[in-house]
C-alpha atoms as a PDB file:
ATOM      1  CA  UNK A   1       0.311  17.128  69.967  1.00  0.00           C
ATOM      2  CA  UNK A   2      -0.656  15.313  66.926  1.00  0.00           C
ATOM      3  CA  UNK A   3      -0.682  18.316  64.496  1.00  0.00           C
ATOM      4  CA  UNK A   4       2.995  17.838  63.655  1.00  0.00           C
ATOM      5  CA  UNK A   5       2.522  14.205  62.683  1.00  0.00           C
ATOM      6  CA  UNK A   6      -0.326  14.847  60.432  1.00  0.00           C
ATOM      7  CA  UNK A   7       1.423  17.582  58.580  1.00  0.00           C
ATOM      8  CA  UNK A   8       4.331  14.937  58.129  1.00  0.00           C
ATOM      9  CA  UNK A   9       1.916  12.355  56.896  1.00  0.00           C
ATOM     10  CA  UNK A  10       0.402  15.038  54.483  1.00  0.00           C
ATOM     11  CA  UNK A  11       3.865  15.780  53.031  1.00  0.00           C
ATOM     12  CA  UNK A  12       4.560  12.274  52.555  1.00  0.00           C
ATOM     13  CA  UNK A  13       1.088  11.737  50.596  1.00  0.00           C
ATOM     14  CA  UNK A  14       2.078  14.780  48.460  1.00  0.00           C
ATOM     15  CA  UNK A  15       5.333  13.283  47.698  1.00  0.00           C
ATOM     16  CA  UNK A  16       3.860   9.911  46.767  1.00  0.00           C
ATOM     17  CA  UNK A  17       1.340  11.884  44.376  1.00  0.00           C
ATOM     18  CA  UNK A  18       4.233  13.841  42.840  1.00  0.00           C
ATOM     19  CA  UNK A  19       5.980  10.428  42.322  1.00  0.00           C
ATOM     20  CA  UNK A  20       3.075   8.908  40.719  1.00  0.00           C
ATOM     21  CA  UNK A  21       2.853  11.859  38.451  1.00  0.00           C
ATOM     22  CA  UNK A  22       6.717  11.587  37.542  1.00  0.00           C
ATOM     23  CA  UNK A  23       6.217   8.019  36.280  1.00  0.00           C
ATOM     24  CA  UNK A  24       3.249   8.897  34.384  1.00  0.00           C
ATOM     25  CA  UNK A  25       4.857  11.750  32.716  1.00  0.00           C
ATOM     26  CA  UNK A  26       8.027   9.922  31.899  1.00  0.00           C
ATOM     27  CA  UNK A  27       6.190   7.291  29.483  1.00  0.00           C
ATOM     28  CA  UNK A  28       7.441   7.459  25.938  1.00  0.00           C
ATOM     29  CA  UNK A  29      10.243   7.054  23.706  1.00  0.00           C
ATOM     30  CA  UNK A  30      12.693   8.701  25.767  1.00  0.00           C
ATOM     31  CA  UNK A  31      11.992   6.608  28.727  1.00  0.00           C
ATOM     32  CA  UNK A  32      12.101   3.481  26.781  1.00  0.00           C
ATOM     33  CA  UNK A  33      15.608   4.298  25.379  1.00  0.00           C
ATOM     34  CA  UNK A  34      16.889   4.818  28.861  1.00  0.00           C
ATOM     35  CA  UNK A  35      15.426   1.778  30.291  1.00  0.00           C
ATOM     36  CA  UNK A  36      17.265  -0.230  27.632  1.00  0.00           C
ATOM     37  CA  UNK A  37      20.459   1.429  28.483  1.00  0.00           C
ATOM     38  CA  UNK A  38      19.841   0.703  32.232  1.00  0.00           C
ATOM     39  CA  UNK A  39      19.064  -2.888  31.359  1.00  0.00           C
ATOM     40  CA  UNK A  40      22.206  -3.374  29.598  1.00  0.00           C
ATOM     41  CA  UNK A  41      23.951  -2.323  32.734  1.00  0.00           C
ATOM     42  CA  UNK A  42      21.959  -4.446  34.939  1.00  0.00           C
ATOM     43  CA  UNK A  43      22.762  -7.617  32.849  1.00  0.00           C
ATOM     44  CA  UNK A  44      26.435  -7.491  33.648  1.00  0.00           C
ATOM     45  CA  UNK A  45      27.763  -4.273  35.311  1.00  0.00           C
ATOM     46  CA  UNK A  46      31.375  -5.693  35.478  1.00  0.00           C
ATOM     47  CA  UNK A  47      31.627  -5.636  31.582  1.00  0.00           C
ATOM     48  CA  UNK A  48      29.292  -2.904  30.527  1.00  0.00           C
ATOM     49  CA  UNK A  49      31.560  -0.144  31.007  1.00  0.00           C
ATOM     50  CA  UNK A  50      32.296   0.584  27.394  1.00  0.00           C
ATOM     51  CA  UNK A  51      28.571   0.494  26.653  1.00  0.00           C
ATOM     52  CA  UNK A  52      27.552   2.717  29.384  1.00  0.00           C
ATOM     53  CA  UNK A  53      30.082   5.180  28.437  1.00  0.00           C
ATOM     54  CA  UNK A  54      29.037   5.406  24.957  1.00  0.00           C
ATOM     55  CA  UNK A  55      25.161   5.102  25.279  1.00  0.00           C
ATOM     56  CA  UNK A  56      24.762   7.028  28.827  1.00  0.00           C
ATOM     57  CA  UNK A  57      27.782   8.825  30.149  1.00  0.00           C
ATOM     58  CA  UNK A  58      31.632   9.334  30.177  1.00  0.00           C
ATOM     59  CA  UNK A  59      33.374   7.653  33.095  1.00  0.00           C
ATOM     60  CA  UNK A  60      35.543  10.264  35.039  1.00  0.00           C
ATOM     61  CA  UNK A  61      37.718   8.144  37.224  1.00  0.00           C
ATOM     62  CA  UNK A  62      38.649  10.075  40.389  1.00  0.00           C
ATOM     63  CA  UNK A  63      35.920  12.857  39.454  1.00  0.00           C
ATOM     64  CA  UNK A  64      33.858  14.700  41.915  1.00  0.00           C
ATOM     65  CA  UNK A  65      30.810  12.578  42.961  1.00  0.00           C
ATOM     66  CA  UNK A  66      27.139  13.856  43.043  1.00  0.00           C
ATOM     67  CA  UNK A  67      26.154  15.827  46.220  1.00  0.00           C
ATOM     68  CA  UNK A  68      24.465  13.559  48.892  1.00  0.00           C
ATOM     69  CA  UNK A  69      20.728  13.116  48.210  1.00  0.00           C
ATOM     70  CA  UNK A  70      21.068  14.122  44.548  1.00  0.00           C
ATOM     71  CA  UNK A  71      18.311  11.782  42.619  1.00  0.00           C
ATOM     72  CA  UNK A  72      20.069   8.737  41.490  1.00  0.00           C
ATOM     73  CA  UNK A  73      18.205   8.309  38.311  1.00  0.00           C
ATOM     74  CA  UNK A  74      20.061  11.440  37.328  1.00  0.00           C
ATOM     75  CA  UNK A  75      23.496  10.046  38.073  1.00  0.00           C
ATOM     76  CA  UNK A  76      23.190   6.367  37.644  1.00  0.00           C
ATOM     77  CA  UNK A  77      24.735   6.003  34.288  1.00  0.00           C
ATOM     78  CA  UNK A  78      27.704   8.247  34.916  1.00  0.00           C
ATOM     79  CA  UNK A  79      28.307   6.386  38.319  1.00  0.00           C
ATOM     80  CA  UNK A  80      27.758   2.976  36.763  1.00  0.00           C
ATOM     81  CA  UNK A  81      30.491   3.977  33.823  1.00  0.00           C
ATOM     82  CA  UNK A  82      32.783   5.397  36.360  1.00  0.00           C
ATOM     83  CA  UNK A  83      32.576   2.301  38.715  1.00  0.00           C
ATOM     84  CA  UNK A  84      33.112  -0.085  35.787  1.00  0.00           C
ATOM     85  CA  UNK A  85      36.234   1.867  34.833  1.00  0.00           C
ATOM     86  CA  UNK A  86      37.740   1.391  38.191  1.00  0.00           C
ATOM     87  CA  UNK A  87      36.599   4.189  40.258  1.00  0.00           C
ATOM     88  CA  UNK A  88      36.451   2.984  43.827  1.00  0.00           C
ATOM     89  CA  UNK A  89      34.615   5.976  45.194  1.00  0.00           C
ATOM     90  CA  UNK A  90      32.011   5.979  42.497  1.00  0.00           C
ATOM     91  CA  UNK A  91      31.471   2.296  43.037  1.00  0.00           C
ATOM     92  CA  UNK A  92      31.143   2.762  47.012  1.00  0.00           C
ATOM     93  CA  UNK A  93      28.534   5.547  46.408  1.00  0.00           C
ATOM     94  CA  UNK A  94      26.659   3.572  43.685  1.00  0.00           C
ATOM     95  CA  UNK A  95      26.310   0.543  46.052  1.00  0.00           C
ATOM     96  CA  UNK A  96      25.127   2.730  49.073  1.00  0.00           C
ATOM     97  CA  UNK A  97      22.397   4.539  46.983  1.00  0.00           C
ATOM     98  CA  UNK A  98      21.267   1.429  45.230  1.00  0.00           C
ATOM     99  CA  UNK A  99      20.978  -0.218  48.554  1.00  0.00           C
ATOM    100  CA  UNK A 100      18.924   2.713  50.240  1.00  0.00           C
ATOM    101  CA  UNK A 101      16.636   2.559  47.495  1.00  0.00           C
ATOM    102  CA  UNK A 102      16.419  -1.171  47.423  1.00  0.00           C
ATOM    103  CA  UNK A 103      15.442  -0.892  51.192  1.00  0.00           C
ATOM    104  CA  UNK A 104      13.045   1.895  50.930  1.00  0.00           C
ATOM    105  CA  UNK A 105      10.154   0.035  49.542  1.00  0.00           C
ATOM    106  CA  UNK A 106       9.838  -2.413  52.799  1.00  0.00           C
ATOM    107  CA  UNK A 107      10.659   0.317  55.108  1.00  0.00           C
ATOM    108  CA  UNK A 108       7.762   2.441  53.761  1.00  0.00           C
ATOM    109  CA  UNK A 109       5.408  -0.494  54.615  1.00  0.00           C
ATOM    110  CA  UNK A 110       6.895  -0.851  57.905  1.00  0.00           C
ATOM    111  CA  UNK A 111       6.799   2.931  58.802  1.00  0.00           C
ATOM    112  CA  UNK A 112       3.266   3.454  57.413  1.00  0.00           C
ATOM    113  CA  UNK A 113       1.991   0.461  59.739  1.00  0.00           C
ATOM    114  CA  UNK A 114       3.847   1.957  62.772  1.00  0.00           C
ATOM    115  CA  UNK A 115       2.415   5.197  62.105  1.00  0.00           C
ATOM    116  CA  UNK A 116      -1.071   3.980  62.054  1.00  0.00           C
ATOM    117  CA  UNK A 117      -0.728   2.011  65.228  1.00  0.00           C
ATOM    118  CA  UNK A 118       0.984   5.013  67.034  1.00  0.00           C
ATOM    119  CA  UNK A 119      -1.518   7.466  65.952  1.00  0.00           C
ATOM    120  CA  UNK A 120      -4.640   5.146  66.952  1.00  0.00           C
ATOM    121  CA  UNK A 121      -3.366   5.326  70.806  1.00  0.00           C
ATOM    122  CA  UNK A 122      -5.488   7.391  73.175  1.00  0.00           C
ATOM    123  CA  UNK A 123      -3.873   9.521  75.471  1.00  0.00           C
ATOM    124  CA  UNK A 124      -6.900   9.327  77.969  1.00  0.00           C
ATOM    125  CA  UNK A 125      -5.582   8.320  81.134  1.00  0.00           C
ATOM    126  CA  UNK A 126      -1.870   8.480  80.532  1.00  0.00           C
ATOM    127  CA  UNK A 127       0.287   9.865  83.355  1.00  0.00           C
ATOM    128  CA  UNK A 128       2.474  12.742  82.788  1.00  0.00           C
ATOM    129  CA  UNK A 129       5.508  10.393  82.421  1.00  0.00           C
ATOM    130  CA  UNK A 130       3.659   8.359  79.671  1.00  0.00           C
ATOM    131  CA  UNK A 131       2.609  11.525  77.873  1.00  0.00           C
ATOM    132  CA  UNK A 132       6.291  12.683  77.549  1.00  0.00           C
ATOM    133  CA  UNK A 133       7.014   9.384  76.333  1.00  0.00           C
ATOM    134  CA  UNK A 134       4.342   9.401  73.740  1.00  0.00           C
ATOM    135  CA  UNK A 135       5.191  12.641  72.543  1.00  0.00           C
ATOM    136  CA  UNK A 136       8.834  11.705  72.051  1.00  0.00           C
ATOM    137  CA  UNK A 137       7.688   8.877  70.151  1.00  0.00           C
ATOM    138  CA  UNK A 138       5.498  11.260  67.913  1.00  0.00           C
ATOM    139  CA  UNK A 139       8.694  13.430  67.488  1.00  0.00           C
ATOM    140  CA  UNK A 140      10.750  10.398  66.491  1.00  0.00           C
ATOM    141  CA  UNK A 141       8.055   9.456  63.918  1.00  0.00           C
ATOM    142  CA  UNK A 142       7.900  12.605  62.315  1.00  0.00           C
ATOM    143  CA  UNK A 143      11.736  12.440  61.814  1.00  0.00           C
ATOM    144  CA  UNK A 144      11.390   9.166  60.238  1.00  0.00           C
ATOM    145  CA  UNK A 145       8.698  10.711  57.940  1.00  0.00           C
ATOM    146  CA  UNK A 146      11.155  13.581  57.099  1.00  0.00           C
ATOM    147  CA  UNK A 147      13.864  10.824  56.448  1.00  0.00           C
ATOM    148  CA  UNK A 148      11.556   8.866  54.324  1.00  0.00           C
ATOM    149  CA  UNK A 149      10.640  12.137  52.140  1.00  0.00           C
ATOM    150  CA  UNK A 150      14.485  12.691  51.446  1.00  0.00           C
ATOM    151  CA  UNK A 151      14.933   8.932  50.523  1.00  0.00           C
ATOM    152  CA  UNK A 152      11.881   9.263  48.334  1.00  0.00           C
ATOM    153  CA  UNK A 153      13.381  12.264  46.504  1.00  0.00           C
ATOM    154  CA  UNK A 154      16.712  10.599  46.117  1.00  0.00           C
ATOM    155  CA  UNK A 155      14.972   7.243  44.768  1.00  0.00           C
ATOM    156  CA  UNK A 156      12.472   8.777  42.586  1.00  0.00           C
ATOM    157  CA  UNK A 157      12.435   6.969  39.147  1.00  0.00           C
ATOM    158  CA  UNK A 158      14.863   4.327  40.278  1.00  0.00           C
ATOM    159  CA  UNK A 159      13.062   1.314  38.795  1.00  0.00           C
ATOM    160  CA  UNK A 160      13.703  -2.569  38.988  1.00  0.00           C
ATOM    161  CA  UNK A 161      16.355  -2.405  36.011  1.00  0.00           C
ATOM    162  CA  UNK A 162      18.564  -0.295  38.212  1.00  0.00           C
ATOM    163  CA  UNK A 163      17.955  -2.220  41.324  1.00  0.00           C
ATOM    164  CA  UNK A 164      18.787  -5.315  39.435  1.00  0.00           C
ATOM    165  CA  UNK A 165      22.364  -4.180  39.189  1.00  0.00           C
ATOM    166  CA  UNK A 166      22.880  -4.007  43.064  1.00  0.00           C
ATOM    167  CA  UNK A 167      24.593  -7.475  43.388  1.00  0.00           C
ATOM    168  CA  UNK A 168      26.872  -6.640  40.493  1.00  0.00           C
ATOM    169  CA  UNK A 169      27.960  -3.305  41.732  1.00  0.00           C
ATOM    170  CA  UNK A 170      28.474  -4.795  45.277  1.00  0.00           C
ATOM    171  CA  UNK A 171      30.990  -7.170  43.569  1.00  0.00           C
ATOM    172  CA  UNK A 172      32.628  -4.485  41.671  1.00  0.00           C
ATOM    173  CA  UNK A 173      32.986  -2.278  44.763  1.00  0.00           C
ATOM    174  CA  UNK A 174      34.531  -5.279  46.556  1.00  0.00           C
ATOM    175  CA  UNK A 175      36.970  -5.867  43.719  1.00  0.00           C
ATOM    176  CA  UNK A 176      37.933  -2.124  44.280  1.00  0.00           C
ATOM    177  CA  UNK A 177      38.657  -2.495  47.947  1.00  0.00           C
ATOM    178  CA  UNK A 178      35.369  -1.510  49.646  1.00  0.00           C
ATOM    179  CA  UNK A 179      35.755  -3.596  52.834  1.00  0.00           C
ATOM    180  CA  UNK A 180      32.242  -3.601  53.696  1.00  0.00           C
ATOM    181  CA  UNK A 181      31.194  -4.468  50.202  1.00  0.00           C
ATOM    182  CA  UNK A 182      33.751  -7.233  50.322  1.00  0.00           C
ATOM    183  CA  UNK A 183      32.354  -8.664  53.381  1.00  0.00           C
ATOM    184  CA  UNK A 184      28.833  -8.480  51.987  1.00  0.00           C
ATOM    185  CA  UNK A 185      29.564 -10.208  48.693  1.00  0.00           C
ATOM    186  CA  UNK A 186      31.643 -12.864  50.519  1.00  0.00           C
ATOM    187  CA  UNK A 187      28.888 -13.696  52.919  1.00  0.00           C
ATOM    188  CA  UNK A 188      25.606 -13.208  50.802  1.00  0.00           C
ATOM    189  CA  UNK A 189      26.810 -13.042  47.112  1.00  0.00           C
ATOM    190  CA  UNK A 190      24.082 -13.027  44.725  1.00  0.00           C
ATOM    191  CA  UNK A 191      21.888 -14.342  47.424  1.00  0.00           C
ATOM    192  CA  UNK A 192      21.735 -10.764  48.700  1.00  0.00           C
ATOM    193  CA  UNK A 193      19.037 -10.019  46.312  1.00  0.00           C
ATOM    194  CA  UNK A 194      17.294 -13.327  45.376  1.00  0.00           C
ATOM    195  CA  UNK A 195      14.738 -11.646  42.930  1.00  0.00           C
ATOM    196  CA  UNK A 196      17.839 -11.257  40.500  1.00  0.00           C
ATOM    197  CA  UNK A 197      19.357 -14.448  41.072  1.00  0.00           C
ATOM    198  CA  UNK A 198      16.095 -16.017  39.937  1.00  0.00           C
ATOM    199  CA  UNK A 199      16.550 -14.178  36.661  1.00  0.00           C
ATOM    200  CA  UNK A 200      20.367 -14.658  36.509  1.00  0.00           C
ATOM    201  CA  UNK A 201      21.364 -18.275  38.061  1.00  0.00           C
ATOM    202  CA  UNK A 202      24.636 -17.936  36.522  1.00  0.00           C
ATOM    203  CA  UNK A 203      25.458 -15.247  39.028  1.00  0.00           C
ATOM    204  CA  UNK A 204      26.628 -18.260  41.307  1.00  0.00           C
ATOM    205  CA  UNK A 205      29.424 -18.946  38.754  1.00  0.00           C
ATOM    206  CA  UNK A 206      30.590 -15.451  39.381  1.00  0.00           C
ATOM    207  CA  UNK A 207      30.463 -15.686  42.794  1.00  0.00           C
ATOM    208  CA  UNK A 208      32.564 -18.839  42.724  1.00  0.00           C
ATOM    209  CA  UNK A 209      35.211 -16.989  40.652  1.00  0.00           C
ATOM    210  CA  UNK A 210      35.461 -13.919  42.701  1.00  0.00           C
ATOM    211  CA  UNK A 211      35.378 -15.300  46.118  1.00  0.00           C
ATOM    212  CA  UNK A 212      38.907 -16.600  46.257  1.00  0.00           C
ATOM    213  CA  UNK A 213      40.303 -13.458  45.024  1.00  0.00           C
ATOM    214  CA  UNK A 214      38.295 -11.553  47.418  1.00  0.00           C
ATOM    215  CA  UNK A 215      39.346 -13.847  50.432  1.00  0.00           C
ATOM    216  CA  UNK A 216      43.103 -13.241  49.218  1.00  0.00           C
ATOM    217  CA  UNK A 217      42.741  -9.471  48.948  1.00  0.00           C
ATOM    218  CA  UNK A 218      40.811  -9.337  52.379  1.00  0.00           C
ATOM    219  CA  UNK A 219      43.670 -11.304  54.193  1.00  0.00           C
ATOM    220  CA  UNK A 220      46.358  -9.046  52.466  1.00  0.00           C
ATOM    221  CA  UNK A 221      44.579  -5.898  53.677  1.00  0.00           C
ATOM    222  CA  UNK A 222      44.397  -7.405  57.271  1.00  0.00           C
ATOM    223  CA  UNK A 223      40.662  -7.257  57.142  1.00  0.00           C
ATOM    224  CA  UNK A 224      39.236  -8.959  60.267  1.00  0.00           C
ATOM    225  CA  UNK A 225      35.931  -9.319  58.801  1.00  0.00           C
ATOM    226  CA  UNK A 226      37.171 -11.798  56.227  1.00  0.00           C
ATOM    227  CA  UNK A 227      38.853 -13.734  58.870  1.00  0.00           C
ATOM    228  CA  UNK A 228      35.527 -14.044  60.953  1.00  0.00           C
ATOM    229  CA  UNK A 229      33.707 -14.917  57.796  1.00  0.00           C
ATOM    230  CA  UNK A 230      36.146 -17.785  57.153  1.00  0.00           C
ATOM    231  CA  UNK A 231      36.238 -19.115  60.556  1.00  0.00           C
ATOM    232  CA  UNK A 232      32.553 -19.610  60.367  1.00  0.00           C
ATOM    233  CA  UNK A 233      32.462 -20.869  56.805  1.00  0.00           C
ATOM    234  CA  UNK A 234      34.880 -23.656  57.533  1.00  0.00           C
ATOM    235  CA  UNK A 235      33.102 -24.848  60.721  1.00  0.00           C
ATOM    236  CA  UNK A 236      31.464 -28.046  60.158  1.00  0.00           C
ATOM    237  CA  UNK A 237      27.522 -27.437  59.741  1.00  0.00           C
ATOM    238  CA  UNK A 238      27.992 -24.160  58.324  1.00  0.00           C
ATOM    239  CA  UNK A 239      25.083 -23.108  56.109  1.00  0.00           C
ATOM    240  CA  UNK A 240      26.442 -20.161  54.642  1.00  0.00           C
ATOM    241  CA  UNK A 241      27.090 -19.376  50.838  1.00  0.00           C
ATOM    242  CA  UNK A 242      30.884 -19.017  51.541  1.00  0.00           C
ATOM    243  CA  UNK A 243      30.789 -22.225  53.511  1.00  0.00           C
ATOM    244  CA  UNK A 244      29.254 -24.037  50.633  1.00  0.00           C
ATOM    245  CA  UNK A 245      31.903 -22.871  48.420  1.00  0.00           C
ATOM    246  CA  UNK A 246      35.036 -23.577  50.720  1.00  0.00           C
ATOM    247  CA  UNK A 247      33.563 -26.867  52.427  1.00  0.00           C
ATOM    248  CA  UNK A 248      33.614 -28.025  56.108  1.00  0.00           C
ATOM    249  CA  UNK A 249      37.359 -28.357  57.208  1.00  0.00           C
ATOM    250  CA  UNK A 250      37.928 -28.362  61.082  1.00  0.00           C
ATOM    251  CA  UNK A 251      41.782 -27.671  60.592  1.00  0.00           C
ATOM    252  CA  UNK A 252      40.912 -24.588  58.660  1.00  0.00           C
ATOM    253  CA  UNK A 253      38.222 -23.584  61.073  1.00  0.00           C
ATOM    254  CA  UNK A 254      40.547 -23.959  64.077  1.00  0.00           C
ATOM    255  CA  UNK A 255      43.387 -21.827  62.018  1.00  0.00           C
ATOM    256  CA  UNK A 256      41.162 -18.854  61.389  1.00  0.00           C
ATOM    257  CA  UNK A 257      39.478 -19.043  64.791  1.00  0.00           C
ATOM    258  CA  UNK A 258      42.804 -18.875  66.444  1.00  0.00           C
ATOM    259  CA  UNK A 259      43.856 -16.020  64.409  1.00  0.00           C
ATOM    260  CA  UNK A 260      40.551 -14.127  65.271  1.00  0.00           C
ATOM    261  CA  UNK A 261      41.370 -14.988  68.876  1.00  0.00           C
ATOM    262  CA  UNK A 262      44.838 -13.632  68.881  1.00  0.00           C
ATOM    263  CA  UNK A 263      43.327 -10.212  67.851  1.00  0.00           C
ATOM    264  CA  UNK A 264      40.306 -10.306  70.266  1.00  0.00           C
ATOM    265  CA  UNK A 265      39.562  -7.991  73.123  1.00  0.00           C
ATOM    266  CA  UNK A 266      39.868  -9.316  76.597  1.00  0.00           C
ATOM    267  CA  UNK A 267      36.155  -9.525  77.406  1.00  0.00           C
ATOM    268  CA  UNK A 268      35.680 -12.155  74.565  1.00  0.00           C
ATOM    269  CA  UNK A 269      38.880 -14.221  75.128  1.00  0.00           C
ATOM    270  CA  UNK A 270      37.352 -16.650  77.510  1.00  0.00           C
ATOM    271  CA  UNK A 271      34.350 -17.424  75.159  1.00  0.00           C
ATOM    272  CA  UNK A 272      36.900 -17.844  71.965  1.00  0.00           C
ATOM    273  CA  UNK A 273      39.169 -20.160  74.183  1.00  0.00           C
ATOM    274  CA  UNK A 274      36.371 -22.284  74.896  1.00  0.00           C
ATOM    275  CA  UNK A 275      35.518 -22.599  71.248  1.00  0.00           C
ATOM    276  CA  UNK A 276      39.132 -23.374  70.352  1.00  0.00           C
ATOM    277  CA  UNK A 277      39.308 -26.079  72.931  1.00  0.00           C
ATOM    278  CA  UNK A 278      36.250 -27.703  71.472  1.00  0.00           C
ATOM    279  CA  UNK A 279      37.627 -27.705  67.941  1.00  0.00           C
ATOM    280  CA  UNK A 280      41.036 -28.662  69.087  1.00  0.00           C
ATOM    281  CA  UNK A 281      39.680 -31.864  70.675  1.00  0.00           C
ATOM    282  CA  UNK A 282      39.207 -33.392  67.308  1.00  0.00           C
ATOM    283  CA  UNK A 283      42.637 -32.650  65.985  1.00  0.00           C
ATOM    284  CA  UNK A 284      46.036 -33.941  66.336  1.00  0.00           C
ATOM    285  CA  UNK A 285      48.468 -32.335  68.492  1.00  0.00           C
ATOM    286  CA  UNK A 286      50.710 -31.652  65.137  1.00  0.00           C
ATOM    287  CA  UNK A 287      47.798 -30.050  63.456  1.00  0.00           C
ATOM    288  CA  UNK A 288      47.168 -27.771  66.252  1.00  0.00           C
ATOM    289  CA  UNK A 289      50.812 -26.698  66.631  1.00  0.00           C
ATOM    290  CA  UNK A 290      51.002 -25.897  63.032  1.00  0.00           C
ATOM    291  CA  UNK A 291      47.807 -23.802  62.976  1.00  0.00           C
ATOM    292  CA  UNK A 292      48.854 -22.003  66.115  1.00  0.00           C
ATOM    293  CA  UNK A 293      52.309 -21.110  64.342  1.00  0.00           C
ATOM    294  CA  UNK A 294      50.313 -20.169  61.121  1.00  0.00           C
ATOM    295  CA  UNK A 295      47.931 -17.766  63.048  1.00  0.00           C
ATOM    296  CA  UNK A 296      50.821 -15.926  64.748  1.00  0.00           C
ATOM    297  CA  UNK A 297      52.860 -15.488  61.792  1.00  0.00           C
ATOM    298  CA  UNK A 298      49.636 -14.213  59.933  1.00  0.00           C
ATOM    299  CA  UNK A 299      48.941 -11.711  62.719  1.00  0.00           C
ATOM    300  CA  UNK A 300      52.478 -10.399  62.804  1.00  0.00           C
ATOM    301  CA  UNK A 301      52.591 -10.041  58.804  1.00  0.00           C
ATOM    302  CA  UNK A 302      49.746  -7.677  58.579  1.00  0.00           C
ATOM    303  CA  UNK A 303      46.981  -7.641  61.057  1.00  0.00           C
ATOM    304  CA  UNK A 304      46.424  -4.472  63.223  1.00  0.00           C
ATOM    305  CA  UNK A 305      43.929  -3.538  65.670  1.00  0.00           C
ATOM    306  CA  UNK A 306      41.482  -5.741  67.438  1.00  0.00           C
ATOM    307  CA  UNK A 307      39.498  -8.446  65.541  1.00  0.00           C
ATOM    308  CA  UNK A 308      36.349  -7.945  67.623  1.00  0.00           C
ATOM    309  CA  UNK A 309      36.248  -4.092  67.294  1.00  0.00           C
ATOM    310  CA  UNK A 310      34.554  -4.316  63.872  1.00  0.00           C
ATOM    311  CA  UNK A 311      32.927  -7.856  64.283  1.00  0.00           C
ATOM    312  CA  UNK A 312      30.845  -7.835  67.515  1.00  0.00           C
ATOM    313  CA  UNK A 313      28.541 -10.515  68.083  1.00  0.00           C
ATOM    314  CA  UNK A 314      25.770 -10.509  65.344  1.00  0.00           C
ATOM    315  CA  UNK A 315      27.603  -8.153  63.274  1.00  0.00           C
ATOM    316  CA  UNK A 316      25.760  -7.611  59.652  1.00  0.00           C
ATOM    317  CA  UNK A 317      28.104  -7.915  56.771  1.00  0.00           C
ATOM    318  CA  UNK A 318      25.686  -6.116  54.470  1.00  0.00           C
ATOM    319  CA  UNK A 319      25.016  -3.012  56.734  1.00  0.00           C
ATOM    320  CA  UNK A 320      25.750  -0.379  54.232  1.00  0.00           C
END
């Protein structure tokens, strides 16, 4: 029963050894020059396109993307240069790959702990149903290990300099119309990677400059995620980054909550109506009437579908 799990664990150990050998073997002048180029990109991906194209790769806007699972270190410079040149597909791909590698480190620790806990369990005294459940857990663990091997292969050689460009690339993908990146950057901005924020506190100024444009672009595109983020940000007492930028405003909170309510599924209508009534209690009738008219006009002008389809309770803006 446990044999397949130990095989999977052995494969992970081999992969780790290979990765370690890779790092050792790449020392030298070539690696140093590559790291310097990567660091230049990481300093400000939004303005480093020319340097990236000259030093590392020629951007190909609209060109074919690397095959899924291709090692990111081999394609980072070209993807970065293309993203900086305005290639939306390249920007989207770069954000997803960087985010996967950024999450890999913590997921390895969690998976290792879960594997150890599972394999320490004794099957003695388990009923037939419990044994089937245990076997299902072992099978699922092996699948996770296989997935981890794929992630390790894709992320091999991706160091801190590349990962430091994640927030800047989220911002670039957001500017190029990636709805998930837009929602993530509006909600979290440079706080998505607090480590890079410590090194570059000026990134908050970049967030301040970009957020207004991203909000306008999201509303023009009929993006319900932006509406939900705005109604939360304007709510008095909000502690979000976007809320800190915009400031509390009960009228604006009611306005965007009303728009969100107009697009909501019927099973969420009652709860939203209760929220609206609570906010309206502190507003003048004229303010409510104006906000209601604005919400209806905005809905009719460009919003389609249900507001709650893509924004269920607890939805995660940075779920790439």
